[in-house]
Amino acid sequence: MSKKIINIRVSLKGRPIRAYRFNKNVITVGRDPQADIYLDNAGVSREHVRIEQTPGGYYAVEDLGSANGTFVNEQSVKREYLTSNDVVRVGKFSLWVSYDEDRRGDEMPRPMSANAYEGTTVLSVSELDEMMAKVQASESEGPPLGVVEGTARGAGWTQHAEAPRPVAWLPVALIAFTAGVVLGSGVMWFLSH
C-alpha cells in the first residue's frame, strides 16, 4: 500500500484560516507554539491532540487529555481513525482532513533538455553551503594586518597597516546570485513538469 499524505484545512467558525500538507508520522496540534498546527486560543490545550500515521498509511487522532476534548464529526473521541473528509474539532477550530497518495518515487523524473540550463550556473546544496561559509568567515575575521617595511624612524622600523577591506557589495551579490539560482531551479522544475 502506498503512503498517504494528509491535508488539513483549519477554519474558525466556518472561516478558513490556513491549510497544511503533511507526510510525517506524527502531527501535533495545540496552543504550544512548537506544535505542527499551532492554535492560539484559550479553549485549546498546549498539547491538545496528536494525529499519528498507522502502519496501513492512514492516520488516527488521539486526544492528549485536553480540558475541552476532541471531536471527530461532532462525536467526542479519545482515539479514532480518520478518513478523508472527516472534521476534527479542537476548541472553536475545525480541522478538515483529506488524503492524497504519495507518488514520489513512483515515476522516473523526466530528463531536462541539454539547453535547459544554458547560461545558468547550477550549484549543489553543498557547493552553496561552502560558498556561504566562505563569505561568513571573511566577514567575521575582519581585515588581516599586513607588515610594511620603512625607514622613516630608522632602519628596520615596521608599521602594521590594515590590508584593504573586502568589497562591501560581495555579500549582496552572493545573495542575489543565490536567489537567482533558487528561482531559476524552481522555474526549470515547473517547466519540466
N, C-alpha and C. Protein backbone atom coordinates (compact mmCIF):
# COMPACT_ATOMS: atom_id res chain seq x y z
N MET A 1 0.85 -1.17 0.00
CA MET A 1 0.00 0.00 0.00
C MET A 1 0.89 1.23 0.00
N SER A 2 0.56 2.23 -0.81
CA SER A 2 1.38 3.43 -0.88
C SER A 2 1.10 4.33 0.32
N LYS A 3 2.05 5.16 0.63
CA LYS A 3 1.96 6.06 1.76
C LYS A 3 0.96 7.18 1.47
N LYS A 4 0.27 7.63 2.52
CA LYS A 4 -0.71 8.69 2.39
C LYS A 4 -0.10 10.03 2.81
N ILE A 5 -0.56 11.08 2.16
CA ILE A 5 -0.26 12.44 2.56
C ILE A 5 -1.56 13.01 3.10
N ILE A 6 -1.50 13.62 4.27
CA ILE A 6 -2.70 14.16 4.88
C ILE A 6 -2.74 15.68 4.67
N ASN A 7 -3.89 16.16 4.22
CA ASN A 7 -4.14 17.59 4.05
C ASN A 7 -5.08 18.01 5.16
N ILE A 8 -4.76 19.10 5.82
CA ILE A 8 -5.60 19.59 6.91
C ILE A 8 -5.87 21.07 6.67
N ARG A 9 -7.14 21.41 6.53
CA ARG A 9 -7.56 22.81 6.37
C ARG A 9 -8.18 23.25 7.69
N VAL A 10 -7.62 24.30 8.28
CA VAL A 10 -8.10 24.79 9.57
C VAL A 10 -9.04 25.96 9.32
N SER A 11 -10.20 25.91 10.01
CA SER A 11 -11.14 27.03 9.92
C SER A 11 -11.63 27.38 11.32
N LEU A 12 -12.05 28.61 11.49
CA LEU A 12 -12.59 29.10 12.75
C LEU A 12 -13.97 29.66 12.46
N LYS A 13 -14.99 29.03 13.03
CA LYS A 13 -16.38 29.42 12.81
C LYS A 13 -16.71 29.51 11.32
N GLY A 14 -16.24 28.52 10.56
CA GLY A 14 -16.53 28.44 9.13
C GLY A 14 -15.63 29.30 8.25
N ARG A 15 -14.76 30.09 8.83
CA ARG A 15 -13.86 30.94 8.05
C ARG A 15 -12.49 30.27 7.92
N PRO A 16 -12.05 29.95 6.68
CA PRO A 16 -10.75 29.29 6.50
C PRO A 16 -9.61 30.15 7.04
N ILE A 17 -8.68 29.48 7.72
CA ILE A 17 -7.53 30.19 8.29
C ILE A 17 -6.24 29.79 7.59
N ARG A 18 -6.00 28.47 7.52
CA ARG A 18 -4.73 28.00 6.96
C ARG A 18 -4.87 26.57 6.50
N ALA A 19 -4.06 26.19 5.52
CA ALA A 19 -4.05 24.81 5.02
C ALA A 19 -2.66 24.22 5.25
N TYR A 20 -2.62 22.96 5.62
CA TYR A 20 -1.37 22.24 5.87
C TYR A 20 -1.35 20.97 5.02
N ARG A 21 -0.14 20.50 4.73
CA ARG A 21 0.05 19.25 4.00
C ARG A 21 1.21 18.52 4.67
N PHE A 22 0.95 17.32 5.17
CA PHE A 22 1.97 16.57 5.90
C PHE A 22 2.17 15.18 5.29
N ASN A 23 3.40 14.69 5.35
CA ASN A 23 3.68 13.29 5.06
C ASN A 23 4.58 12.73 6.16
N LYS A 24 4.39 13.24 7.37
CA LYS A 24 5.17 12.78 8.51
C LYS A 24 4.34 11.85 9.37
N ASN A 25 4.98 11.12 10.25
CA ASN A 25 4.31 10.11 11.05
C ASN A 25 3.47 10.68 12.19
N VAL A 26 3.92 11.77 12.82
CA VAL A 26 3.19 12.34 13.95
C VAL A 26 3.02 13.84 13.73
N ILE A 27 1.79 14.30 13.90
CA ILE A 27 1.45 15.72 13.77
C ILE A 27 0.87 16.16 15.11
N THR A 28 1.41 17.22 15.67
CA THR A 28 0.91 17.72 16.95
C THR A 28 0.05 18.95 16.72
N VAL A 29 -1.00 19.06 17.53
CA VAL A 29 -1.93 20.18 17.45
C VAL A 29 -2.13 20.72 18.85
N GLY A 30 -1.99 22.04 19.02
CA GLY A 30 -2.21 22.62 20.33
C GLY A 30 -1.83 24.08 20.41
N ARG A 31 -1.87 24.60 21.62
CA ARG A 31 -1.57 26.00 21.90
C ARG A 31 -0.06 26.23 22.08
N ASP A 32 0.71 25.17 22.10
CA ASP A 32 2.17 25.28 22.18
C ASP A 32 2.69 25.81 20.84
N PRO A 33 3.44 26.92 20.85
CA PRO A 33 3.96 27.47 19.58
C PRO A 33 4.83 26.48 18.80
N GLN A 34 5.34 25.44 19.44
CA GLN A 34 6.16 24.44 18.76
C GLN A 34 5.33 23.35 18.08
N ALA A 35 4.00 23.38 18.26
CA ALA A 35 3.13 22.36 17.65
C ALA A 35 3.15 22.50 16.14
N ASP A 36 2.94 21.39 15.44
CA ASP A 36 2.88 21.43 13.98
C ASP A 36 1.72 22.32 13.51
N ILE A 37 0.60 22.21 14.21
CA ILE A 37 -0.54 23.10 13.95
C ILE A 37 -0.79 23.87 15.24
N TYR A 38 -0.38 25.13 15.23
CA TYR A 38 -0.47 25.99 16.40
C TYR A 38 -1.81 26.71 16.38
N LEU A 39 -2.60 26.51 17.44
CA LEU A 39 -3.92 27.14 17.57
C LEU A 39 -3.90 28.00 18.83
N ASP A 40 -3.82 29.30 18.66
CA ASP A 40 -3.70 30.24 19.77
C ASP A 40 -5.09 30.62 20.27
N ASN A 41 -5.61 29.83 21.22
CA ASN A 41 -6.93 30.07 21.78
C ASN A 41 -7.00 29.41 23.15
N ALA A 42 -7.63 30.08 24.11
CA ALA A 42 -7.70 29.56 25.47
C ALA A 42 -8.46 28.23 25.55
N GLY A 43 -9.34 27.94 24.59
CA GLY A 43 -10.09 26.69 24.60
C GLY A 43 -9.29 25.50 24.09
N VAL A 44 -8.05 25.75 23.68
CA VAL A 44 -7.17 24.69 23.15
C VAL A 44 -6.06 24.45 24.17
N SER A 45 -5.84 23.19 24.54
CA SER A 45 -4.75 22.84 25.46
C SER A 45 -3.41 22.99 24.77
N ARG A 46 -2.34 23.17 25.57
CA ARG A 46 -1.00 23.31 24.97
C ARG A 46 -0.67 22.09 24.11
N GLU A 47 -0.93 20.91 24.61
CA GLU A 47 -0.76 19.66 23.85
C GLU A 47 -2.15 19.04 23.78
N HIS A 48 -2.92 19.43 22.79
CA HIS A 48 -4.33 19.05 22.74
C HIS A 48 -4.54 17.68 22.08
N VAL A 49 -3.97 17.52 20.91
CA VAL A 49 -4.24 16.31 20.14
C VAL A 49 -3.01 15.91 19.33
N ARG A 50 -2.90 14.61 19.07
CA ARG A 50 -1.84 14.08 18.21
C ARG A 50 -2.52 13.32 17.09
N ILE A 51 -2.04 13.55 15.88
CA ILE A 51 -2.51 12.79 14.72
C ILE A 51 -1.34 11.94 14.28
N GLU A 52 -1.54 10.62 14.32
CA GLU A 52 -0.43 9.69 14.11
C GLU A 52 -0.73 8.76 12.95
N GLN A 53 0.29 8.50 12.14
CA GLN A 53 0.11 7.60 11.00
C GLN A 53 0.14 6.15 11.48
N THR A 54 -0.80 5.37 10.95
CA THR A 54 -0.88 3.94 11.30
C THR A 54 -0.04 3.14 10.32
N PRO A 55 0.26 1.88 10.62
CA PRO A 55 1.06 1.07 9.69
C PRO A 55 0.42 0.95 8.30
N GLY A 56 -0.90 1.06 8.20
CA GLY A 56 -1.57 0.98 6.90
C GLY A 56 -1.48 2.26 6.09
N GLY A 57 -0.86 3.29 6.66
CA GLY A 57 -0.69 4.53 5.93
C GLY A 57 -1.75 5.58 6.25
N TYR A 58 -2.76 5.21 7.01
CA TYR A 58 -3.80 6.18 7.36
C TYR A 58 -3.44 6.84 8.68
N TYR A 59 -4.25 7.76 9.12
CA TYR A 59 -3.97 8.49 10.34
C TYR A 59 -5.06 8.25 11.38
N ALA A 60 -4.65 8.35 12.64
CA ALA A 60 -5.59 8.26 13.76
C ALA A 60 -5.38 9.50 14.61
N VAL A 61 -6.46 10.01 15.17
CA VAL A 61 -6.40 11.17 16.04
C VAL A 61 -6.51 10.69 17.48
N GLU A 62 -5.70 11.28 18.37
CA GLU A 62 -5.73 10.90 19.78
C GLU A 62 -5.74 12.15 20.65
N ASP A 63 -6.76 12.26 21.51
CA ASP A 63 -6.84 13.36 22.46
C ASP A 63 -5.78 13.13 23.53
N LEU A 64 -5.04 14.18 23.88
CA LEU A 64 -3.94 14.05 24.84
C LEU A 64 -4.35 14.51 26.23
N GLY A 65 -5.60 14.23 26.61
CA GLY A 65 -6.09 14.63 27.92
C GLY A 65 -6.45 16.10 27.99
N SER A 66 -6.92 16.65 26.89
CA SER A 66 -7.26 18.07 26.84
C SER A 66 -8.45 18.38 27.75
N ALA A 67 -8.53 19.63 28.18
CA ALA A 67 -9.61 20.05 29.07
C ALA A 67 -10.96 20.08 28.35
N ASN A 68 -10.99 20.46 27.09
CA ASN A 68 -12.25 20.63 26.37
C ASN A 68 -12.57 19.49 25.40
N GLY A 69 -11.71 18.50 25.31
CA GLY A 69 -11.99 17.34 24.48
C GLY A 69 -11.71 17.53 23.00
N THR A 70 -11.81 16.43 22.27
CA THR A 70 -11.60 16.39 20.83
C THR A 70 -12.80 15.69 20.22
N PHE A 71 -13.25 16.20 19.08
CA PHE A 71 -14.44 15.67 18.43
C PHE A 71 -14.12 15.35 16.98
N VAL A 72 -14.60 14.20 16.52
CA VAL A 72 -14.49 13.83 15.10
C VAL A 72 -15.92 13.71 14.59
N ASN A 73 -16.24 14.54 13.60
CA ASN A 73 -17.59 14.61 13.05
C ASN A 73 -18.63 14.78 14.17
N GLU A 74 -18.29 15.68 15.11
CA GLU A 74 -19.14 16.07 16.25
C GLU A 74 -19.34 14.97 17.29
N GLN A 75 -18.55 13.89 17.24
CA GLN A 75 -18.60 12.83 18.24
C GLN A 75 -17.34 12.93 19.11
N SER A 76 -17.51 12.99 20.43
CA SER A 76 -16.38 13.06 21.34
C SER A 76 -15.55 11.78 21.21
N VAL A 77 -14.23 11.92 21.10
CA VAL A 77 -13.36 10.76 20.93
C VAL A 77 -12.12 10.89 21.81
N LYS A 78 -11.57 9.74 22.17
CA LYS A 78 -10.25 9.68 22.81
C LYS A 78 -9.21 9.29 21.76
N ARG A 79 -9.58 8.32 20.91
CA ARG A 79 -8.74 7.90 19.78
C ARG A 79 -9.67 7.40 18.69
N GLU A 80 -9.42 7.84 17.46
CA GLU A 80 -10.31 7.50 16.36
C GLU A 80 -9.52 7.53 15.05
N TYR A 81 -9.80 6.58 14.17
CA TYR A 81 -9.19 6.59 12.84
C TYR A 81 -9.86 7.67 12.00
N LEU A 82 -9.05 8.32 11.16
CA LEU A 82 -9.56 9.39 10.31
C LEU A 82 -9.67 8.90 8.87
N THR A 83 -10.75 9.28 8.22
CA THR A 83 -10.90 9.02 6.79
C THR A 83 -11.00 10.36 6.07
N SER A 84 -10.88 10.33 4.77
CA SER A 84 -10.97 11.55 4.00
C SER A 84 -12.32 12.21 4.25
N ASN A 85 -12.31 13.53 4.39
CA ASN A 85 -13.48 14.38 4.61
C ASN A 85 -13.99 14.35 6.05
N ASP A 86 -13.24 13.76 7.00
CA ASP A 86 -13.60 13.87 8.41
C ASP A 86 -13.28 15.29 8.89
N VAL A 87 -14.01 15.73 9.91
CA VAL A 87 -13.77 17.03 10.51
C VAL A 87 -13.43 16.81 11.99
N VAL A 88 -12.23 17.25 12.39
CA VAL A 88 -11.79 17.15 13.77
C VAL A 88 -12.00 18.54 14.39
N ARG A 89 -12.75 18.58 15.50
CA ARG A 89 -12.96 19.86 16.17
C ARG A 89 -12.11 19.91 17.42
N VAL A 90 -11.32 20.99 17.51
CA VAL A 90 -10.43 21.25 18.63
C VAL A 90 -10.79 22.65 19.13
N GLY A 91 -11.47 22.75 20.27
CA GLY A 91 -11.94 24.05 20.74
C GLY A 91 -12.91 24.62 19.72
N LYS A 92 -12.68 25.85 19.30
CA LYS A 92 -13.55 26.50 18.30
C LYS A 92 -13.08 26.24 16.87
N PHE A 93 -11.99 25.49 16.71
CA PHE A 93 -11.39 25.28 15.40
C PHE A 93 -11.88 23.97 14.78
N SER A 94 -12.07 23.99 13.47
CA SER A 94 -12.39 22.77 12.71
C SER A 94 -11.22 22.44 11.82
N LEU A 95 -10.79 21.18 11.87
CA LEU A 95 -9.70 20.70 11.03
C LEU A 95 -10.29 19.73 10.02
N TRP A 96 -10.37 20.13 8.76
CA TRP A 96 -10.94 19.31 7.68
C TRP A 96 -9.82 18.44 7.14
N VAL A 97 -10.02 17.13 7.15
CA VAL A 97 -8.98 16.16 6.80
C VAL A 97 -9.28 15.56 5.43
N SER A 98 -8.24 15.47 4.59
CA SER A 98 -8.35 14.72 3.33
C SER A 98 -7.00 14.06 3.07
N TYR A 99 -7.04 13.01 2.24
CA TYR A 99 -5.82 12.24 1.93
C TYR A 99 -5.48 12.35 0.45
N ASP A 100 -4.18 12.25 0.18
CA ASP A 100 -3.65 12.09 -1.17
C ASP A 100 -2.68 10.92 -1.13
N GLU A 101 -2.47 10.30 -2.27
CA GLU A 101 -1.43 9.26 -2.36
C GLU A 101 -0.08 9.96 -2.52
N ASP A 102 0.93 9.47 -1.84
CA ASP A 102 2.28 9.97 -2.00
C ASP A 102 2.91 9.23 -3.17
N ARG A 103 3.02 9.89 -4.29
CA ARG A 103 3.51 9.25 -5.52
C ARG A 103 4.99 9.52 -5.77
N ARG A 104 5.64 10.16 -4.83
CA ARG A 104 7.06 10.43 -5.04
C ARG A 104 7.82 9.11 -5.12
N GLY A 105 8.69 9.02 -6.06
CA GLY A 105 9.48 7.82 -6.23
C GLY A 105 8.83 6.80 -7.14
N ASP A 106 7.51 6.96 -7.43
CA ASP A 106 6.84 6.02 -8.32
C ASP A 106 7.22 6.26 -9.78
N GLU A 107 7.42 7.52 -10.14
CA GLU A 107 7.74 7.85 -11.53
C GLU A 107 9.21 8.22 -11.65
N MET A 108 9.74 7.97 -12.81
CA MET A 108 11.09 8.42 -13.09
C MET A 108 11.00 9.88 -13.51
N PRO A 109 11.87 10.75 -13.00
CA PRO A 109 11.82 12.15 -13.41
C PRO A 109 12.15 12.28 -14.89
N ARG A 110 11.47 13.22 -15.54
CA ARG A 110 11.73 13.45 -16.96
C ARG A 110 13.07 14.15 -17.11
N PRO A 111 13.88 13.72 -18.08
CA PRO A 111 15.17 14.38 -18.26
C PRO A 111 14.98 15.78 -18.83
N MET A 112 15.86 16.69 -18.41
CA MET A 112 15.83 18.06 -18.91
C MET A 112 16.56 18.10 -20.25
N SER A 113 16.18 19.03 -21.08
CA SER A 113 16.87 19.17 -22.35
C SER A 113 18.27 19.72 -22.08
N ALA A 114 19.16 19.49 -23.03
CA ALA A 114 20.56 19.89 -22.85
C ALA A 114 20.69 21.40 -22.70
N ASN A 115 19.83 22.18 -23.34
CA ASN A 115 19.97 23.64 -23.26
C ASN A 115 19.07 24.26 -22.20
N ALA A 116 18.45 23.45 -21.34
CA ALA A 116 17.54 23.99 -20.32
C ALA A 116 18.28 24.91 -19.35
N TYR A 117 19.52 24.61 -19.04
CA TYR A 117 20.29 25.42 -18.11
C TYR A 117 21.27 26.35 -18.81
N GLU A 118 21.11 26.56 -20.09
CA GLU A 118 22.03 27.39 -20.85
C GLU A 118 22.14 28.77 -20.22
N GLY A 119 23.35 29.17 -19.87
CA GLY A 119 23.58 30.48 -19.28
C GLY A 119 23.30 30.54 -17.79
N THR A 120 22.94 29.44 -17.17
CA THR A 120 22.63 29.42 -15.75
C THR A 120 23.66 28.56 -15.03
N THR A 121 24.19 29.07 -13.93
CA THR A 121 25.10 28.29 -13.11
C THR A 121 24.28 27.55 -12.08
N VAL A 122 24.45 26.26 -12.00
CA VAL A 122 23.70 25.45 -11.06
C VAL A 122 24.67 24.92 -10.01
N LEU A 123 24.35 25.21 -8.73
CA LEU A 123 25.18 24.74 -7.63
C LEU A 123 24.42 23.70 -6.83
N SER A 124 25.14 22.73 -6.33
CA SER A 124 24.52 21.78 -5.42
C SER A 124 24.36 22.46 -4.07
N VAL A 125 23.59 21.86 -3.19
CA VAL A 125 23.39 22.43 -1.85
C VAL A 125 24.72 22.53 -1.12
N SER A 126 25.57 21.52 -1.25
CA SER A 126 26.86 21.55 -0.55
C SER A 126 27.77 22.65 -1.11
N GLU A 127 27.75 22.87 -2.43
CA GLU A 127 28.54 23.95 -3.02
C GLU A 127 28.06 25.31 -2.54
N LEU A 128 26.74 25.47 -2.45
CA LEU A 128 26.16 26.72 -1.98
C LEU A 128 26.51 26.94 -0.51
N ASP A 129 26.42 25.89 0.31
CA ASP A 129 26.79 26.00 1.73
C ASP A 129 28.26 26.40 1.88
N GLU A 130 29.11 25.80 1.07
CA GLU A 130 30.54 26.10 1.13
C GLU A 130 30.79 27.56 0.77
N MET A 131 30.12 28.05 -0.25
CA MET A 131 30.28 29.43 -0.68
C MET A 131 29.82 30.40 0.42
N MET A 132 28.67 30.10 1.03
CA MET A 132 28.15 30.96 2.09
C MET A 132 29.08 30.94 3.31
N ALA A 133 29.67 29.78 3.63
CA ALA A 133 30.59 29.68 4.76
C ALA A 133 31.82 30.55 4.52
N LYS A 134 32.33 30.58 3.30
CA LYS A 134 33.49 31.41 2.98
C LYS A 134 33.17 32.89 3.17
N VAL A 135 31.99 33.30 2.73
CA VAL A 135 31.59 34.71 2.88
C VAL A 135 31.46 35.05 4.36
N GLN A 136 30.81 34.18 5.14
CA GLN A 136 30.64 34.45 6.56
C GLN A 136 31.99 34.49 7.27
N ALA A 137 32.90 33.60 6.89
CA ALA A 137 34.22 33.57 7.52
C ALA A 137 34.98 34.85 7.20
N SER A 138 34.90 35.34 5.97
CA SER A 138 35.62 36.55 5.61
C SER A 138 35.04 37.76 6.32
N GLU A 139 33.74 37.77 6.59
CA GLU A 139 33.12 38.89 7.28
C GLU A 139 33.45 38.85 8.78
N SER A 140 33.52 37.66 9.38
CA SER A 140 33.74 37.57 10.83
C SER A 140 35.19 37.76 11.22
N GLU A 141 36.12 37.46 10.33
CA GLU A 141 37.54 37.57 10.66
C GLU A 141 38.00 39.02 10.70
N GLY A 142 37.40 39.89 9.92
CA GLY A 142 37.86 41.27 9.82
C GLY A 142 39.06 41.33 8.90
N PRO A 143 39.55 42.52 8.67
CA PRO A 143 40.66 42.66 7.73
C PRO A 143 41.97 42.14 8.33
N PRO A 144 42.78 41.47 7.52
CA PRO A 144 44.07 40.98 8.02
C PRO A 144 45.07 42.14 8.14
N LEU A 145 46.01 42.03 9.08
CA LEU A 145 47.06 43.04 9.21
C LEU A 145 48.23 42.66 8.34
N GLY A 146 48.80 43.67 7.68
CA GLY A 146 49.97 43.45 6.84
C GLY A 146 51.17 44.16 7.46
N VAL A 147 52.37 43.82 7.07
CA VAL A 147 53.59 44.46 7.59
C VAL A 147 54.21 45.25 6.46
N VAL A 148 54.47 46.54 6.73
CA VAL A 148 55.07 47.41 5.73
C VAL A 148 56.44 47.82 6.26
N GLU A 149 57.48 47.56 5.49
CA GLU A 149 58.84 47.94 5.89
C GLU A 149 59.08 49.39 5.50
N GLY A 150 59.79 50.14 6.33
CA GLY A 150 60.08 51.53 6.01
C GLY A 150 61.30 52.02 6.74
N THR A 151 61.72 53.24 6.41
CA THR A 151 62.91 53.81 7.03
C THR A 151 62.63 55.14 7.71
N ALA A 152 61.38 55.54 7.87
CA ALA A 152 61.07 56.84 8.42
C ALA A 152 61.59 57.00 9.85
N ARG A 153 61.65 55.98 10.64
CA ARG A 153 62.13 56.08 12.02
C ARG A 153 63.42 55.26 12.19
N GLY A 154 64.11 55.11 11.18
CA GLY A 154 65.36 54.38 11.30
C GLY A 154 65.27 53.04 10.60
N ALA A 155 66.37 52.42 10.41
CA ALA A 155 66.44 51.16 9.70
C ALA A 155 65.72 50.07 10.49
N GLY A 156 65.00 49.26 9.78
CA GLY A 156 64.34 48.13 10.39
C GLY A 156 62.99 48.46 11.02
N TRP A 157 62.56 49.70 10.93
CA TRP A 157 61.27 50.09 11.51
C TRP A 157 60.14 49.44 10.73
N THR A 158 59.14 48.90 11.43
CA THR A 158 58.00 48.28 10.76
C THR A 158 56.71 48.98 11.20
N GLN A 159 55.79 49.02 10.31
CA GLN A 159 54.49 49.62 10.60
C GLN A 159 53.43 48.59 10.25
N HIS A 160 52.46 48.40 11.12
CA HIS A 160 51.37 47.50 10.83
C HIS A 160 50.25 48.30 10.19
N ALA A 161 49.87 47.89 9.04
CA ALA A 161 48.82 48.61 8.31
C ALA A 161 47.68 47.65 8.00
N GLU A 162 46.49 48.21 7.90
CA GLU A 162 45.34 47.38 7.54
C GLU A 162 45.39 47.06 6.06
N ALA A 163 45.15 45.81 5.76
CA ALA A 163 45.03 45.42 4.36
C ALA A 163 43.69 45.94 3.85
N PRO A 164 43.53 46.06 2.57
CA PRO A 164 42.25 46.57 2.05
C PRO A 164 41.10 45.69 2.49
N ARG A 165 39.95 46.31 2.84
CA ARG A 165 38.75 45.59 3.26
C ARG A 165 38.14 44.87 2.06
N PRO A 166 37.49 43.75 2.31
CA PRO A 166 36.79 43.07 1.21
C PRO A 166 35.73 44.00 0.64
N VAL A 167 35.43 43.80 -0.60
CA VAL A 167 34.44 44.64 -1.26
C VAL A 167 33.10 44.49 -0.55
N ALA A 168 32.47 45.62 -0.18
CA ALA A 168 31.24 45.59 0.62
C ALA A 168 30.06 44.98 -0.13
N TRP A 169 30.05 45.04 -1.43
CA TRP A 169 28.90 44.54 -2.19
C TRP A 169 28.96 43.05 -2.43
N LEU A 170 30.05 42.38 -2.06
CA LEU A 170 30.19 40.96 -2.31
C LEU A 170 29.07 40.12 -1.67
N PRO A 171 28.74 40.31 -0.36
CA PRO A 171 27.64 39.51 0.21
C PRO A 171 26.30 39.76 -0.48
N VAL A 172 26.05 41.01 -0.85
CA VAL A 172 24.79 41.34 -1.54
C VAL A 172 24.75 40.63 -2.89
N ALA A 173 25.85 40.65 -3.61
CA ALA A 173 25.90 39.99 -4.91
C ALA A 173 25.72 38.48 -4.76
N LEU A 174 26.31 37.91 -3.71
CA LEU A 174 26.18 36.47 -3.49
C LEU A 174 24.74 36.10 -3.17
N ILE A 175 24.07 36.91 -2.36
CA ILE A 175 22.66 36.66 -2.04
C ILE A 175 21.81 36.77 -3.30
N ALA A 176 22.07 37.80 -4.10
CA ALA A 176 21.31 37.96 -5.36
C ALA A 176 21.56 36.77 -6.28
N PHE A 177 22.80 36.31 -6.36
CA PHE A 177 23.13 35.16 -7.19
C PHE A 177 22.40 33.92 -6.69
N THR A 178 22.41 33.71 -5.36
CA THR A 178 21.74 32.56 -4.76
C THR A 178 20.25 32.59 -5.05
N ALA A 179 19.64 33.76 -4.90
CA ALA A 179 18.20 33.89 -5.18
C ALA A 179 17.92 33.56 -6.64
N GLY A 180 18.80 33.98 -7.53
CA GLY A 180 18.64 33.67 -8.95
C GLY A 180 18.72 32.18 -9.22
N VAL A 181 19.66 31.51 -8.54
CA VAL A 181 19.79 30.06 -8.70
C VAL A 181 18.55 29.35 -8.21
N VAL A 182 18.06 29.74 -7.03
CA VAL A 182 16.87 29.10 -6.46
C VAL A 182 15.66 29.34 -7.35
N LEU A 183 15.46 30.60 -7.75
CA LEU A 183 14.31 30.90 -8.61
C LEU A 183 14.43 30.21 -9.96
N GLY A 184 15.64 30.20 -10.51
CA GLY A 184 15.84 29.55 -11.81
C GLY A 184 15.56 28.06 -11.72
N SER A 185 15.98 27.42 -10.62
CA SER A 185 15.72 26.00 -10.45
C SER A 185 14.23 25.73 -10.35
N GLY A 186 13.53 26.60 -9.61
CA GLY A 186 12.08 26.44 -9.46
C GLY A 186 11.37 26.58 -10.79
N VAL A 187 11.79 27.56 -11.58
CA VAL A 187 11.17 27.76 -12.89
C VAL A 187 11.45 26.56 -13.79
N MET A 188 12.69 26.08 -13.75
CA MET A 188 13.04 24.95 -14.61
C MET A 188 12.27 23.70 -14.19
N TRP A 189 12.10 23.50 -12.88
CA TRP A 189 11.31 22.36 -12.41
C TRP A 189 9.89 22.50 -12.89
N PHE A 190 9.32 23.70 -12.75
CA PHE A 190 7.93 23.92 -13.16
C PHE A 190 7.78 23.65 -14.65
N LEU A 191 8.71 24.13 -15.47
CA LEU A 191 8.62 23.92 -16.91
C LEU A 191 8.80 22.46 -17.31
N SER A 192 9.54 21.71 -16.49
CA SER A 192 9.77 20.31 -16.85
C SER A 192 8.64 19.39 -16.43
N HIS A 193 7.71 19.86 -15.63
CA HIS A 193 6.61 19.01 -15.17
C HIS A 193 5.35 19.35 -15.86
